[in-house]
Amino acid sequence: MDAMTADARMPTDREIVITRLINAPRELVFDAWTDPEQVGQWWGPSGFTTTTHKMEVKPGGVWRFVMHGPDGRDYQNKITYLEIVPPSASSTGTAAMRILNRSASKPR
């Protein structure tokens, strides 16, 4: 897999695993996913903005945020972190996160 290729597979009927190799320092990528200020700069589809209300990056922690659509609709989201593996804690030097996404299906 090259530096910009994504691999998505469904190991069970209730789990989606997405792997992406990014050509950047692991710590920088990990920070981009776990720092509310940074994640707000890139998270979501083109034209959307993101407001983070709570981000506890730890097993059992919650990330509550709102994605604001270009049409003025707000989409409430809640993600629960199941597992966090920072780059320095991994023997292979990789970082990983397992999350449970409970996004609201109705815009506000």
N, C-alpha and C. Protein backbone atom coordinates (compact mmCIF):
# COMPACT_ATOMS: atom_id res chain seq x y z
N MET A 1 0.85 -1.16 0.00
CA MET A 1 0.00 0.00 0.00
C MET A 1 0.90 1.23 0.00
N ASP A 2 0.70 2.16 -0.95
CA ASP A 2 1.54 3.35 -0.97
C ASP A 2 1.05 4.36 0.07
N ALA A 3 1.72 5.51 0.17
CA ALA A 3 1.47 6.47 1.23
C ALA A 3 0.09 7.10 1.19
N MET A 4 -0.62 7.01 0.12
CA MET A 4 -1.94 7.63 0.05
C MET A 4 -3.03 6.63 -0.31
N THR A 5 -2.83 5.38 -0.01
CA THR A 5 -3.81 4.34 -0.32
C THR A 5 -4.56 3.95 0.95
N ALA A 6 -5.85 3.78 0.85
CA ALA A 6 -6.65 3.35 1.99
C ALA A 6 -7.10 1.91 1.77
N ASP A 7 -7.21 1.18 2.86
CA ASP A 7 -7.68 -0.20 2.81
C ASP A 7 -8.87 -0.30 3.76
N ALA A 8 -10.03 -0.65 3.24
CA ALA A 8 -11.21 -0.81 4.07
C ALA A 8 -11.72 -2.24 3.91
N ARG A 9 -12.09 -2.85 5.03
CA ARG A 9 -12.63 -4.20 4.98
C ARG A 9 -13.64 -4.35 6.10
N MET A 10 -14.49 -5.34 5.99
CA MET A 10 -15.50 -5.58 7.01
C MET A 10 -15.25 -6.96 7.63
N PRO A 11 -14.55 -7.03 8.76
CA PRO A 11 -14.26 -8.32 9.38
C PRO A 11 -15.47 -8.99 10.01
N THR A 12 -16.48 -8.22 10.41
CA THR A 12 -17.72 -8.78 10.94
C THR A 12 -18.87 -7.98 10.37
N ASP A 13 -20.08 -8.38 10.69
CA ASP A 13 -21.23 -7.65 10.18
C ASP A 13 -21.47 -6.33 10.92
N ARG A 14 -20.72 -6.06 11.98
CA ARG A 14 -20.92 -4.84 12.76
C ARG A 14 -19.65 -4.02 12.95
N GLU A 15 -18.64 -4.31 12.19
CA GLU A 15 -17.37 -3.61 12.37
C GLU A 15 -16.80 -3.26 11.01
N ILE A 16 -16.34 -2.04 10.90
CA ILE A 16 -15.63 -1.59 9.70
C ILE A 16 -14.21 -1.24 10.12
N VAL A 17 -13.23 -1.81 9.45
CA VAL A 17 -11.84 -1.51 9.74
C VAL A 17 -11.29 -0.74 8.55
N ILE A 18 -10.76 0.44 8.81
CA ILE A 18 -10.15 1.25 7.76
C ILE A 18 -8.70 1.49 8.14
N THR A 19 -7.82 1.17 7.25
CA THR A 19 -6.40 1.37 7.46
C THR A 19 -5.91 2.36 6.42
N ARG A 20 -5.16 3.34 6.86
CA ARG A 20 -4.63 4.33 5.93
C ARG A 20 -3.18 4.60 6.27
N LEU A 21 -2.34 4.51 5.28
CA LEU A 21 -0.93 4.80 5.44
C LEU A 21 -0.70 6.24 4.98
N ILE A 22 -0.19 7.08 5.87
CA ILE A 22 0.01 8.49 5.57
C ILE A 22 1.50 8.79 5.65
N ASN A 23 2.01 9.45 4.64
CA ASN A 23 3.43 9.78 4.57
C ASN A 23 3.72 11.02 5.41
N ALA A 24 3.77 10.82 6.74
CA ALA A 24 4.03 11.89 7.70
C ALA A 24 4.50 11.25 9.00
N PRO A 25 5.17 12.01 9.85
CA PRO A 25 5.59 11.45 11.13
C PRO A 25 4.39 10.95 11.94
N ARG A 26 4.53 9.78 12.55
CA ARG A 26 3.43 9.17 13.30
C ARG A 26 2.88 10.08 14.39
N GLU A 27 3.77 10.74 15.12
CA GLU A 27 3.33 11.61 16.21
C GLU A 27 2.49 12.77 15.69
N LEU A 28 2.86 13.32 14.54
CA LEU A 28 2.11 14.42 13.94
C LEU A 28 0.71 13.98 13.54
N VAL A 29 0.61 12.81 12.94
CA VAL A 29 -0.70 12.27 12.53
C VAL A 29 -1.55 11.97 13.76
N PHE A 30 -0.95 11.36 14.77
CA PHE A 30 -1.68 11.05 15.99
C PHE A 30 -2.22 12.32 16.63
N ASP A 31 -1.39 13.38 16.69
CA ASP A 31 -1.83 14.66 17.25
C ASP A 31 -2.97 15.26 16.43
N ALA A 32 -2.93 15.10 15.12
CA ALA A 32 -3.99 15.64 14.27
C ALA A 32 -5.34 14.98 14.58
N TRP A 33 -5.31 13.72 15.02
CA TRP A 33 -6.54 12.99 15.37
C TRP A 33 -6.99 13.23 16.80
N THR A 34 -6.09 13.66 17.69
CA THR A 34 -6.41 13.71 19.11
C THR A 34 -6.40 15.10 19.72
N ASP A 35 -6.05 16.12 18.97
CA ASP A 35 -6.05 17.50 19.45
C ASP A 35 -7.29 18.21 18.89
N PRO A 36 -8.22 18.65 19.75
CA PRO A 36 -9.46 19.26 19.26
C PRO A 36 -9.23 20.44 18.31
N GLU A 37 -8.21 21.22 18.56
CA GLU A 37 -7.94 22.36 17.67
C GLU A 37 -7.52 21.89 16.28
N GLN A 38 -6.69 20.87 16.23
CA GLN A 38 -6.24 20.37 14.93
C GLN A 38 -7.34 19.63 14.19
N VAL A 39 -8.08 18.79 14.89
CA VAL A 39 -9.11 17.99 14.23
C VAL A 39 -10.19 18.89 13.61
N GLY A 40 -10.45 20.02 14.25
CA GLY A 40 -11.43 20.96 13.72
C GLY A 40 -11.02 21.60 12.41
N GLN A 41 -9.74 21.53 12.08
CA GLN A 41 -9.24 22.12 10.85
C GLN A 41 -9.39 21.20 9.65
N TRP A 42 -9.62 19.91 9.86
CA TRP A 42 -9.67 19.00 8.72
C TRP A 42 -10.81 17.98 8.75
N TRP A 43 -11.46 17.78 9.88
CA TRP A 43 -12.47 16.73 10.00
C TRP A 43 -13.72 17.09 9.21
N GLY A 44 -14.27 16.12 8.53
CA GLY A 44 -15.56 16.27 7.86
C GLY A 44 -15.43 16.50 6.37
N PRO A 45 -16.56 16.39 5.68
CA PRO A 45 -16.56 16.58 4.22
C PRO A 45 -16.22 18.02 3.84
N SER A 46 -15.87 18.21 2.61
CA SER A 46 -15.56 19.54 2.09
C SER A 46 -16.76 20.46 2.31
N GLY A 47 -16.49 21.65 2.81
CA GLY A 47 -17.54 22.63 3.05
C GLY A 47 -18.10 22.60 4.46
N PHE A 48 -17.79 21.57 5.23
CA PHE A 48 -18.27 21.45 6.60
C PHE A 48 -17.24 22.06 7.56
N THR A 49 -17.71 22.49 8.72
CA THR A 49 -16.82 22.85 9.82
C THR A 49 -17.19 21.97 11.00
N THR A 50 -16.29 21.89 11.97
CA THR A 50 -16.51 21.03 13.13
C THR A 50 -16.26 21.79 14.41
N THR A 51 -17.18 21.67 15.35
CA THR A 51 -17.02 22.24 16.68
C THR A 51 -16.96 21.09 17.67
N THR A 52 -15.85 20.99 18.40
CA THR A 52 -15.69 19.94 19.42
C THR A 52 -16.14 20.49 20.75
N HIS A 53 -17.04 19.76 21.42
CA HIS A 53 -17.51 20.16 22.75
C HIS A 53 -16.78 19.40 23.85
N LYS A 54 -16.33 18.19 23.54
CA LYS A 54 -15.64 17.37 24.53
C LYS A 54 -14.79 16.35 23.78
N MET A 55 -13.55 16.20 24.22
CA MET A 55 -12.68 15.19 23.61
C MET A 55 -11.79 14.60 24.70
N GLU A 56 -12.12 13.39 25.12
CA GLU A 56 -11.34 12.66 26.11
C GLU A 56 -10.71 11.46 25.41
N VAL A 57 -9.48 11.62 24.99
CA VAL A 57 -8.81 10.57 24.22
C VAL A 57 -8.21 9.55 25.20
N LYS A 58 -9.05 8.58 25.55
CA LYS A 58 -8.65 7.49 26.44
C LYS A 58 -9.69 6.40 26.28
N PRO A 59 -9.37 5.16 26.59
CA PRO A 59 -10.37 4.11 26.50
C PRO A 59 -11.60 4.46 27.35
N GLY A 60 -12.77 4.42 26.73
CA GLY A 60 -14.00 4.80 27.41
C GLY A 60 -14.30 6.29 27.33
N GLY A 61 -13.32 7.07 26.85
CA GLY A 61 -13.52 8.51 26.70
C GLY A 61 -14.44 8.82 25.54
N VAL A 62 -14.95 10.03 25.52
CA VAL A 62 -15.94 10.43 24.52
C VAL A 62 -15.47 11.67 23.78
N TRP A 63 -15.76 11.68 22.48
CA TRP A 63 -15.58 12.87 21.65
C TRP A 63 -16.97 13.28 21.19
N ARG A 64 -17.44 14.42 21.70
CA ARG A 64 -18.73 14.99 21.27
C ARG A 64 -18.43 16.20 20.40
N PHE A 65 -19.02 16.18 19.21
CA PHE A 65 -18.77 17.29 18.30
C PHE A 65 -19.98 17.49 17.39
N VAL A 66 -20.01 18.66 16.77
CA VAL A 66 -21.06 18.99 15.82
C VAL A 66 -20.40 19.31 14.49
N MET A 67 -20.88 18.67 13.45
CA MET A 67 -20.45 19.01 12.10
C MET A 67 -21.48 19.98 11.54
N HIS A 68 -21.02 21.15 11.10
CA HIS A 68 -21.89 22.19 10.57
C HIS A 68 -21.83 22.12 9.05
N GLY A 69 -22.95 21.80 8.43
CA GLY A 69 -23.00 21.68 6.99
C GLY A 69 -23.05 23.03 6.29
N PRO A 70 -22.63 23.07 5.05
CA PRO A 70 -22.64 24.32 4.29
C PRO A 70 -24.06 24.86 4.08
N ASP A 71 -25.06 24.01 4.28
CA ASP A 71 -26.46 24.43 4.13
C ASP A 71 -27.04 24.94 5.45
N GLY A 72 -26.20 25.01 6.51
CA GLY A 72 -26.65 25.51 7.80
C GLY A 72 -27.14 24.44 8.76
N ARG A 73 -27.20 23.20 8.32
CA ARG A 73 -27.63 22.11 9.21
C ARG A 73 -26.49 21.70 10.13
N ASP A 74 -26.85 21.32 11.34
CA ASP A 74 -25.89 20.82 12.32
C ASP A 74 -26.11 19.32 12.51
N TYR A 75 -25.02 18.58 12.56
CA TYR A 75 -25.06 17.13 12.74
C TYR A 75 -24.32 16.78 14.02
N GLN A 76 -25.08 16.38 15.05
CA GLN A 76 -24.51 16.00 16.33
C GLN A 76 -23.80 14.66 16.20
N ASN A 77 -22.66 14.51 16.83
CA ASN A 77 -21.90 13.27 16.78
C ASN A 77 -21.37 12.93 18.16
N LYS A 78 -21.27 11.63 18.42
CA LYS A 78 -20.65 11.13 19.64
C LYS A 78 -19.81 9.92 19.26
N ILE A 79 -18.54 9.97 19.59
CA ILE A 79 -17.64 8.85 19.37
C ILE A 79 -17.09 8.43 20.73
N THR A 80 -17.11 7.13 20.99
CA THR A 80 -16.53 6.58 22.21
C THR A 80 -15.25 5.86 21.82
N TYR A 81 -14.15 6.21 22.47
CA TYR A 81 -12.87 5.56 22.21
C TYR A 81 -12.84 4.21 22.92
N LEU A 82 -12.61 3.17 22.17
CA LEU A 82 -12.51 1.83 22.75
C LEU A 82 -11.08 1.47 23.10
N GLU A 83 -10.15 1.91 22.27
CA GLU A 83 -8.74 1.60 22.49
C GLU A 83 -7.90 2.71 21.87
N ILE A 84 -6.85 3.11 22.57
CA ILE A 84 -5.92 4.12 22.07
C ILE A 84 -4.52 3.54 22.17
N VAL A 85 -3.79 3.55 21.07
CA VAL A 85 -2.40 3.08 21.06
C VAL A 85 -1.55 4.20 20.48
N PRO A 86 -0.96 5.04 21.35
CA PRO A 86 -0.09 6.10 20.85
C PRO A 86 1.13 5.52 20.15
N PRO A 87 1.75 6.28 19.25
CA PRO A 87 2.91 5.76 18.51
C PRO A 87 4.02 5.23 19.41
N SER A 88 4.28 5.89 20.52
CA SER A 88 5.39 5.47 21.38
C SER A 88 5.08 4.20 22.16
N ALA A 89 3.80 3.83 22.29
CA ALA A 89 3.43 2.64 23.06
C ALA A 89 3.39 1.38 22.21
N SER A 90 3.55 1.52 20.92
CA SER A 90 3.45 0.38 20.01
C SER A 90 4.82 -0.18 19.70
N SER A 91 4.94 -1.49 19.75
CA SER A 91 6.24 -2.10 19.46
C SER A 91 6.59 -1.99 17.98
N THR A 92 5.58 -1.81 17.12
CA THR A 92 5.85 -1.69 15.69
C THR A 92 6.01 -0.24 15.26
N GLY A 93 5.78 0.69 16.18
CA GLY A 93 5.90 2.10 15.84
C GLY A 93 4.65 2.66 15.19
N THR A 94 3.60 1.88 15.10
CA THR A 94 2.36 2.37 14.51
C THR A 94 1.45 2.90 15.61
N ALA A 95 0.49 3.72 15.22
CA ALA A 95 -0.51 4.22 16.15
C ALA A 95 -1.85 3.66 15.72
N ALA A 96 -2.75 3.50 16.68
CA ALA A 96 -4.06 2.96 16.33
C ALA A 96 -5.12 3.49 17.28
N MET A 97 -6.34 3.55 16.78
CA MET A 97 -7.49 3.90 17.59
C MET A 97 -8.64 3.01 17.18
N ARG A 98 -9.36 2.49 18.16
CA ARG A 98 -10.62 1.80 17.89
C ARG A 98 -11.70 2.66 18.49
N ILE A 99 -12.72 2.96 17.70
CA ILE A 99 -13.78 3.84 18.18
C ILE A 99 -15.14 3.22 17.92
N LEU A 100 -16.12 3.68 18.67
CA LEU A 100 -17.52 3.35 18.45
C LEU A 100 -18.19 4.65 18.08
N ASN A 101 -18.69 4.76 16.86
CA ASN A 101 -19.29 6.00 16.38
C ASN A 101 -20.80 5.91 16.50
N ARG A 102 -21.35 6.83 17.24
CA ARG A 102 -22.80 6.90 17.38
C ARG A 102 -23.27 8.25 16.88
N SER A 103 -23.11 8.47 15.61
CA SER A 103 -23.52 9.73 15.00
C SER A 103 -25.03 9.81 14.94
N ALA A 104 -25.53 11.00 15.18
CA ALA A 104 -26.97 11.22 15.05
C ALA A 104 -27.33 11.15 13.57
N SER A 105 -28.44 10.51 13.26
CA SER A 105 -28.82 10.36 11.86
C SER A 105 -29.64 11.53 11.36
N LYS A 106 -30.18 12.32 12.27
CA LYS A 106 -31.02 13.44 11.86
C LYS A 106 -30.29 14.76 12.08
N PRO A 107 -30.27 15.64 11.09
CA PRO A 107 -29.67 16.95 11.29
C PRO A 107 -30.54 17.80 12.21
N ARG A 108 -29.93 18.78 12.85
CA ARG A 108 -30.67 19.71 13.69
C ARG A 108 -30.80 21.04 13.00
